[in-house]
Amino acid sequence: MNSAELPKSGFLAQASSELSTLLDSVATEVDLEEGEVLFEQGDEGDALYAIISGSLEFSILSREGRKLSLDVMRPGALFGEIALFDPGTRTATVTALEPSRVRGVKNGDVLSAIRSKPELAIDMIQLAGERMRWMSSQLNEQVFLSMPARLARKILYLTLDGSENLATLPLSQSELAEFVGATREAVSKTLSIWKRAGVIESTRGGLKVLDREALQVMADLHQI
């Protein structure tokens, strides 16, 4: 089977054609069976990955030791970009939800290739700048959005695969508080208000979204 190219999406959309060719030339493929772990939270990471086929779940362990599912990514998605520039500890565990294939680009391989084409180092610096700007925008959201807006956005995001008007989220109030950087008491107060308004309802071990449109309105409020 011919190797697929790295997708020109995410932060790689800003890569020059020359840099894209270089990254493709050093990429290697990894096949995963259903349930197989690509890497675990806390592992040392030194590679960027792109999903070619299948789907991968990203999860962390809460302070209570419970698994929290952060995201599910599918073909075309990129992850682990920081390791391409600065290898370090993985912040989440990645598990295949079905037979999947990814392409990985290791930091060391990229640096070795750039030594033979030093002019591409400028492209890498520009790519790193794009990533830093994205991280800055994420930090601004955390700092300047009100806690209810952050909570609404997180609930909407985590229930994206649910039905349009009814989606269940199996997370405790303490776990939601960890996601949005707030106290459990603050989250509990906000959820109580939304429950009285008919936006959500409590379920055993979580909550159910009843009115996504109303939740989206709350997510779009930017006042602190």
Protein backbone atom coordinates (compact mmCIF):
# COMPACT_ATOMS: atom_id res chain seq x y z
CA MET A 1 0.00 0.00 0.00
CA ASN A 2 1.33 3.42 -0.89
CA SER A 3 2.05 5.74 2.02
CA ALA A 4 -0.39 8.60 2.42
CA GLU A 5 0.94 12.11 2.61
CA LEU A 6 0.66 14.20 5.73
CA PRO A 7 -2.57 16.25 5.60
CA LYS A 8 -2.30 19.92 4.73
CA SER A 9 -4.56 20.86 7.62
CA GLY A 10 -4.26 22.36 11.09
CA PHE A 11 -1.00 24.17 11.63
CA LEU A 12 0.57 22.27 8.69
CA ALA A 13 -1.71 24.29 6.39
CA GLN A 14 0.84 27.10 6.84
CA ALA A 15 3.85 24.96 5.87
CA SER A 16 5.65 25.76 2.62
CA SER A 17 5.62 23.13 -0.13
CA GLU A 18 9.33 22.54 0.46
CA LEU A 19 8.84 21.95 4.19
CA SER A 20 5.81 19.72 3.54
CA THR A 21 7.92 17.60 1.19
CA LEU A 22 10.65 17.32 3.83
CA LEU A 23 8.18 16.28 6.55
CA ASP A 24 6.63 13.68 4.25
CA SER A 25 10.06 12.26 3.44
CA VAL A 26 10.87 11.48 7.10
CA ALA A 27 7.38 10.37 8.18
CA THR A 28 6.75 6.76 9.20
CA GLU A 29 3.45 4.90 9.45
CA VAL A 30 2.06 3.17 12.54
CA ASP A 31 -0.88 0.73 12.42
CA LEU A 32 -3.02 0.37 15.55
CA GLU A 33 -5.56 -2.29 16.46
CA GLU A 34 -8.80 -1.41 18.23
CA GLY A 35 -7.98 -0.62 21.86
CA GLU A 36 -4.25 -0.27 21.22
CA VAL A 37 -2.52 2.69 22.91
CA LEU A 38 -0.26 4.91 20.80
CA PHE A 39 1.16 6.64 23.88
CA GLU A 40 0.13 7.29 27.46
CA GLN A 41 -0.15 10.44 29.55
CA GLY A 42 3.28 11.04 31.09
CA ASP A 43 5.25 9.28 28.33
CA GLU A 44 8.12 11.15 26.72
CA GLY A 45 7.03 12.51 23.35
CA ASP A 46 9.20 13.40 20.37
CA ALA A 47 6.86 13.18 17.38
CA LEU A 48 3.98 14.87 15.57
CA TYR A 49 1.23 12.53 14.34
CA ALA A 50 -1.42 12.73 11.62
CA ILE A 51 -4.39 10.38 11.43
CA ILE A 52 -4.66 8.65 8.05
CA SER A 53 -7.54 6.29 8.84
CA GLY A 54 -9.66 5.21 11.80
CA SER A 55 -10.35 7.22 14.94
CA LEU A 56 -8.39 7.94 18.12
CA GLU A 57 -9.59 8.85 21.61
CA PHE A 58 -7.67 11.37 23.75
CA SER A 59 -8.07 10.99 27.49
CA ILE A 60 -6.53 11.99 30.81
CA LEU A 61 -6.82 10.81 34.39
CA SER A 62 -8.63 13.17 36.75
CA ARG A 63 -7.39 13.89 40.26
CA GLU A 64 -9.85 11.25 41.41
CA GLY A 65 -8.15 8.71 39.14
CA ARG A 66 -11.07 8.55 36.72
CA LYS A 67 -10.56 8.51 32.97
CA LEU A 68 -11.77 11.70 31.26
CA SER A 69 -12.32 11.53 27.52
CA LEU A 70 -11.16 14.84 26.05
CA ASP A 71 -11.68 14.32 22.35
CA VAL A 72 -12.06 11.90 19.47
CA MET A 73 -10.05 12.69 16.33
CA ARG A 74 -10.50 11.30 12.84
CA PRO A 75 -8.63 11.25 9.50
CA GLY A 76 -6.94 14.55 8.68
CA ALA A 77 -6.42 15.54 12.30
CA LEU A 78 -2.96 16.40 13.66
CA PHE A 79 -1.73 16.09 17.23
CA GLY A 80 1.52 16.31 19.16
CA GLU A 81 2.72 19.39 17.28
CA ILE A 82 4.71 20.76 20.22
CA ALA A 83 6.93 17.65 20.25
CA LEU A 84 8.03 18.51 16.72
CA PHE A 85 9.75 21.61 18.10
CA ASP A 86 10.38 20.72 21.74
CA PRO A 87 10.15 17.06 22.88
CA GLY A 88 8.56 16.63 26.30
CA THR A 89 6.00 14.78 28.39
CA ARG A 90 2.72 13.73 26.76
CA THR A 91 -0.28 15.38 28.39
CA ALA A 92 -2.88 12.77 27.36
CA THR A 93 -3.30 9.10 26.48
CA VAL A 94 -4.18 8.25 22.87
CA THR A 95 -6.10 5.03 22.16
CA ALA A 96 -7.42 3.61 18.88
CA LEU A 97 -11.22 3.21 18.89
CA GLU A 98 -11.01 1.05 15.76
CA PRO A 99 -8.24 -0.23 13.47
CA SER A 100 -6.34 2.96 12.66
CA ARG A 101 -3.27 4.24 10.84
CA VAL A 102 -1.20 7.30 11.71
CA ARG A 103 1.91 8.89 10.24
CA GLY A 104 4.52 10.17 12.65
CA VAL A 105 7.30 12.71 12.21
CA LYS A 106 10.05 12.61 14.83
CA ASN A 107 11.82 15.72 16.06
CA GLY A 108 15.28 14.19 15.55
CA ASP A 109 14.55 13.17 11.95
CA VAL A 110 13.33 16.68 11.10
CA LEU A 111 16.40 18.32 12.63
CA SER A 112 18.71 15.97 10.74
CA ALA A 113 16.94 16.72 7.46
CA ILE A 114 17.06 20.47 8.08
CA ARG A 115 20.81 20.31 8.62
CA SER A 116 21.11 19.32 4.95
CA LYS A 117 18.69 22.11 3.94
CA PRO A 118 19.26 24.89 6.48
CA GLU A 119 17.10 27.33 4.51
CA LEU A 120 14.06 25.35 5.68
CA ALA A 121 14.85 26.29 9.29
CA ILE A 122 13.14 29.64 8.60
CA ASP A 123 10.00 27.77 7.55
CA MET A 124 10.11 25.77 10.78
CA ILE A 125 10.44 28.95 12.84
CA GLN A 126 7.43 30.45 11.04
CA LEU A 127 5.48 27.25 11.69
CA ALA A 128 6.37 27.42 15.38
CA GLY A 129 5.16 31.03 15.42
CA GLU A 130 1.78 29.95 14.03
CA ARG A 131 1.46 27.40 16.81
CA MET A 132 2.40 29.96 19.46
CA ARG A 133 -0.26 32.37 18.19
CA TRP A 134 -2.86 29.59 18.42
CA MET A 135 -1.77 28.80 21.99
CA SER A 136 -2.03 32.48 22.86
CA SER A 137 -5.61 32.59 21.58
CA GLN A 138 -6.46 29.57 23.75
CA LEU A 139 -4.93 31.27 26.79
CA ASN A 140 -6.89 34.46 26.09
CA GLU A 141 -10.10 32.42 26.05
CA GLN A 142 -9.24 30.91 29.42
CA VAL A 143 -8.37 34.30 30.92
CA PHE A 144 -11.01 36.59 29.44
CA LEU A 145 -14.09 34.39 29.04
CA SER A 146 -16.40 34.14 32.02
CA MET A 147 -16.54 30.79 33.79
CA PRO A 148 -20.15 30.10 32.62
CA ALA A 149 -19.10 30.78 29.00
CA ARG A 150 -16.11 28.42 29.34
CA LEU A 151 -18.34 25.78 30.92
CA ALA A 152 -20.98 26.09 28.18
CA ARG A 153 -18.31 25.80 25.47
CA LYS A 154 -16.78 22.73 27.08
CA ILE A 155 -20.14 20.98 27.47
CA LEU A 156 -21.07 21.75 23.86
CA TYR A 157 -17.70 20.47 22.65
CA LEU A 158 -17.80 17.26 24.69
CA THR A 159 -21.33 16.45 23.52
CA LEU A 160 -20.66 17.23 19.86
CA ASP A 161 -21.34 13.65 18.79
CA GLY A 162 -24.63 13.51 20.65
CA SER A 163 -28.01 13.97 19.01
CA GLU A 164 -28.92 17.51 18.05
CA ASN A 165 -31.26 18.20 20.96
CA LEU A 166 -30.31 15.54 23.50
CA ALA A 167 -26.79 14.64 24.58
CA THR A 168 -25.53 13.03 27.78
CA LEU A 169 -22.21 13.89 29.41
CA PRO A 170 -21.00 11.38 32.04
CA LEU A 171 -18.83 13.78 34.03
CA SER A 172 -19.10 14.83 37.68
CA GLN A 173 -19.21 18.49 38.69
CA SER A 174 -15.67 18.15 40.08
CA GLU A 175 -14.42 16.83 36.74
CA LEU A 176 -16.15 19.63 34.81
CA ALA A 177 -14.53 22.10 37.20
CA GLU A 178 -11.11 20.66 36.33
CA PHE A 179 -11.84 21.09 32.62
CA VAL A 180 -12.70 24.80 32.91
CA GLY A 181 -10.31 25.82 35.69
CA ALA A 182 -12.98 26.63 38.27
CA THR A 183 -14.14 25.45 41.69
CA ARG A 184 -16.73 22.70 42.01
CA GLU A 185 -18.96 25.12 43.94
CA ALA A 186 -18.94 27.66 41.09
CA VAL A 187 -19.74 24.97 38.52
CA SER A 188 -22.51 23.55 40.71
CA LYS A 189 -24.13 26.99 41.08
CA THR A 190 -24.06 27.60 37.31
CA LEU A 191 -25.46 24.15 36.49
CA SER A 192 -28.28 24.69 39.00
CA ILE A 193 -29.27 27.91 37.21
CA TRP A 194 -29.22 26.14 33.83
CA LYS A 195 -31.23 23.25 35.24
CA ARG A 196 -33.98 25.60 36.48
CA ALA A 197 -34.00 27.24 33.05
CA GLY A 198 -34.51 23.88 31.33
CA VAL A 199 -31.17 23.97 29.53
CA ILE A 200 -29.81 20.80 31.17
CA GLU A 201 -30.95 18.13 33.55
CA SER A 202 -29.04 16.01 36.03
CA THR A 203 -28.45 12.34 35.31
CA ARG A 204 -26.79 9.62 37.32
CA GLY A 205 -23.11 10.53 37.25
CA GLY A 206 -23.46 13.41 34.79
CA LEU A 207 -25.83 15.71 32.94
CA LYS A 208 -28.00 15.79 29.85
CA VAL A 209 -28.22 18.75 27.45
CA LEU A 210 -31.83 19.65 26.70
CA ASP A 211 -31.41 22.94 24.82
CA ARG A 212 -28.20 23.26 22.78
CA GLU A 213 -29.25 26.59 21.29
CA ALA A 214 -29.61 28.18 24.72
CA LEU A 215 -26.27 26.71 25.77
CA GLN A 216 -24.66 28.14 22.62
CA VAL A 217 -25.98 31.62 23.54
CA MET A 218 -24.30 31.28 26.96
CA ALA A 219 -21.10 30.06 25.30
CA ASP A 220 -20.99 33.22 23.19
CA LEU A 221 -21.16 35.58 26.19
CA HIS A 222 -17.68 37.06 26.67
CA GLN A 223 -18.08 39.16 29.80
CA ILE A 224 -16.13 38.19 32.89
